[in-house]
């Protein structure tokens, strides 16, 4: 096994152990929420699913380091294309969610004048719009750097 592969395997092993510990802590927090009635059960369930996926993902990445499949150039090409497609899909999801939250806030304000909820929904829409604009700027910067390198 190459030295670089050993470092990558160690990095994934440490990440797997870290996420496993955080997952166990979240399970205890979920247990306390259910039996002590604190009311954060849904939030903890969502975090538990995310942490389990992160733990399993890091574990399988760790197992794949140094194998024949890890060094395949075709896999790297497919991964690059997939990441590009995921970036585009994420951009569309962000802008659609931004529009939905902003319109929802405006409709709620016009119907019943609930200012706190309206303000919150419009702020969420504005933050999502700012994130979308930031991703476009970052995409342009990456394109410009790659253009000047070539």
Protein backbone atom coordinates (compact mmCIF):
# COMPACT_ATOMS: atom_id res chain seq x y z
CA UNK A 1 0.00 0.00 0.00
CA UNK A 2 1.33 3.43 -0.92
CA UNK A 3 2.10 6.07 1.69
CA UNK A 4 -0.62 8.33 0.30
CA UNK A 5 -3.14 5.47 0.54
CA UNK A 6 -2.17 4.87 4.18
CA UNK A 7 -2.81 8.54 4.95
CA UNK A 8 -6.17 8.45 3.19
CA UNK A 9 -7.15 5.23 4.97
CA UNK A 10 -6.18 6.75 8.33
CA UNK A 11 -8.15 9.91 7.53
CA UNK A 12 -11.27 7.89 6.69
CA UNK A 13 -10.80 5.69 9.77
CA UNK A 14 -10.57 8.72 12.07
CA UNK A 15 -13.59 10.28 10.36
CA UNK A 16 -15.56 7.03 10.71
CA UNK A 17 -14.78 6.77 14.43
CA UNK A 18 -15.66 10.43 14.96
CA UNK A 19 -19.03 10.11 13.22
CA UNK A 20 -19.72 6.86 15.08
CA UNK A 21 -19.14 8.59 18.42
CA UNK A 22 -21.34 11.54 17.44
CA UNK A 23 -24.02 9.10 16.24
CA UNK A 24 -23.99 7.30 19.58
CA UNK A 25 -24.27 10.63 21.41
CA UNK A 26 -27.21 11.57 19.20
CA UNK A 27 -28.90 8.25 19.99
CA UNK A 28 -28.63 9.06 23.70
CA UNK A 29 -30.00 12.55 23.06
CA UNK A 30 -32.88 11.04 21.07
CA UNK A 31 -33.56 8.61 23.93
CA UNK A 32 -33.71 11.54 26.37
CA UNK A 33 -36.01 13.46 24.05
CA UNK A 34 -38.43 10.57 23.74
CA UNK A 35 -38.60 9.59 27.40
CA UNK A 36 -38.17 13.03 29.01
CA UNK A 37 -40.46 14.83 26.58
CA UNK A 38 -38.18 17.71 25.57
CA UNK A 39 -39.78 17.91 22.13
CA UNK A 40 -36.73 17.78 19.84
CA UNK A 41 -37.45 14.29 18.59
CA UNK A 42 -37.86 15.11 14.88
CA UNK A 43 -34.65 17.17 14.80
CA UNK A 44 -32.69 14.39 16.48
CA UNK A 45 -34.14 11.77 14.12
CA UNK A 46 -33.04 13.81 11.11
CA UNK A 47 -29.55 14.26 12.57
CA UNK A 48 -29.40 10.55 13.38
CA UNK A 49 -30.13 9.61 9.76
CA UNK A 50 -27.52 12.10 8.49
CA UNK A 51 -24.91 10.84 10.95
CA UNK A 52 -25.56 7.20 10.11
CA UNK A 53 -25.17 7.96 6.39
CA UNK A 54 -21.93 9.88 7.05
CA UNK A 55 -20.56 7.04 9.19
CA UNK A 56 -21.40 4.37 6.62
CA UNK A 57 -20.08 6.51 3.77
CA UNK A 58 -16.72 7.07 5.47
CA UNK A 59 -16.48 3.39 6.36
CA UNK A 60 -17.01 2.27 2.76
CA UNK A 61 -14.56 4.91 1.50
CA UNK A 62 -12.02 3.57 3.99
CA UNK A 63 -12.57 0.00 2.77
CA UNK A 64 -12.10 1.07 -0.87
CA UNK A 65 -8.71 2.78 -0.38
CA UNK A 66 -5.87 0.91 -2.07
CA UNK A 67 -8.05 -1.48 -4.07
CA UNK A 68 -8.12 -1.81 -7.84
CA UNK A 69 -11.42 0.07 -8.02
CA UNK A 70 -9.90 3.02 -6.16
CA UNK A 71 -7.33 3.74 -8.87
CA UNK A 72 -9.57 3.31 -11.91
CA UNK A 73 -9.48 6.41 -14.17
CA UNK A 74 -12.96 5.73 -15.49
CA UNK A 75 -14.34 5.95 -11.97
CA UNK A 76 -12.64 9.31 -11.49
CA UNK A 77 -14.18 10.57 -14.75
CA UNK A 78 -17.66 9.36 -13.78
CA UNK A 79 -17.28 10.90 -10.33
CA UNK A 80 -16.28 14.24 -11.89
CA UNK A 81 -19.33 14.21 -14.18
CA UNK A 82 -21.62 13.17 -11.32
CA UNK A 83 -20.33 15.95 -9.08
CA UNK A 84 -20.98 18.45 -11.87
CA UNK A 85 -24.54 17.15 -12.28
CA UNK A 86 -25.11 17.21 -8.50
CA UNK A 87 -23.88 20.82 -8.43
CA UNK A 88 -26.37 21.82 -11.11
CA UNK A 89 -29.23 19.98 -9.40
CA UNK A 90 -28.33 21.59 -6.07
CA UNK A 91 -28.34 25.03 -7.69
CA UNK A 92 -31.86 24.43 -9.03
CA UNK A 93 -33.09 23.12 -5.67
CA UNK A 94 -31.67 26.16 -3.87
CA UNK A 95 -33.23 28.70 -6.22
CA UNK A 96 -36.62 26.93 -6.24
CA UNK A 97 -36.62 26.71 -2.43
CA UNK A 98 -35.69 30.39 -2.26
CA UNK A 99 -38.61 31.37 -4.48
CA UNK A 100 -41.03 29.09 -2.59
CA UNK A 101 -40.08 30.50 0.83
CA UNK A 102 -40.24 34.11 -0.37
CA UNK A 103 -43.62 33.67 -2.08
CA UNK A 104 -44.97 31.75 0.91
CA UNK A 105 -43.96 34.61 3.20
CA UNK A 106 -45.57 37.24 0.98
CA UNK A 107 -48.81 35.23 0.70
CA UNK A 108 -49.00 34.71 4.48
CA UNK A 109 -48.46 38.41 5.09
CA UNK A 110 -51.15 39.44 2.63
CA UNK A 111 -53.70 37.00 4.08
CA UNK A 112 -53.36 37.36 7.82
CA UNK A 113 -50.47 39.73 8.54
CA UNK A 114 -48.45 37.28 10.67
CA UNK A 115 -45.29 39.36 10.73
CA UNK A 116 -42.97 37.05 12.67
CA UNK A 117 -43.55 34.02 10.46
CA UNK A 118 -43.52 36.16 7.32
CA UNK A 119 -40.25 37.78 8.31
CA UNK A 120 -38.70 34.38 9.02
CA UNK A 121 -39.82 32.88 5.70
CA UNK A 122 -38.59 35.86 3.69
CA UNK A 123 -35.23 35.80 5.51
CA UNK A 124 -34.87 32.08 4.70
CA UNK A 125 -35.65 32.87 1.06
CA UNK A 126 -33.11 35.72 1.03
CA UNK A 127 -30.39 33.56 2.59
CA UNK A 128 -31.02 30.81 0.04
CA UNK A 129 -30.85 33.40 -2.74
CA UNK A 130 -27.53 34.65 -1.36
CA UNK A 131 -26.20 31.07 -1.26
CA UNK A 132 -27.30 30.58 -4.87
CA UNK A 133 -25.55 33.77 -5.96
CA UNK A 134 -22.44 32.70 -4.02
CA UNK A 135 -22.37 29.33 -5.82
CA UNK A 136 -22.58 31.11 -9.16
CA UNK A 137 -19.69 33.41 -8.19
CA UNK A 138 -17.59 30.46 -6.98
CA UNK A 139 -18.37 28.56 -10.19
CA UNK A 140 -17.23 31.58 -12.23
CA UNK A 141 -14.01 31.92 -10.20
CA UNK A 142 -13.22 28.22 -10.66
CA UNK A 143 -13.90 28.54 -14.38
CA UNK A 144 -11.61 31.59 -14.63
CA UNK A 145 -8.79 29.87 -12.74
CA UNK A 146 -9.05 26.76 -14.90
CA UNK A 147 -9.22 28.90 -18.06
CA UNK A 148 -6.01 30.72 -17.15
CA UNK A 149 -4.23 27.47 -16.21
CA UNK A 150 -4.94 25.98 -19.62
